[in-house]
Amino acid sequence: MRTLRSVNVGLPKDIRWRGRTVHTGIWKSPVDGPVTARRLNLDGDGQGDLGGHGGEMRAVPATATGSGRACSR
């Protein structure tokens, strides 16, 4: 059986990266209590690149515990 450990949300913002401005929603924070999953995303969440992230069939991604080390490289 799998266990849900955390639900994280965050809204996209513009940041400077490698000399240019990019719109990203990479930074997420855990929520306290329930959050509603809607057709396009979770309440309080957003994606900066809707062509590659979010939307129907991709609104609720799941990441396995331990995969964070690979993502942080």
Foldseek 3Di string as FASTA:
>chain_A
DDDDDFDWAAEWDWDADPRDIATAQPDIDTDPDDWDADQWEIPRHDGRDPVVATHHPHHDDDDDPPCVVVVVD
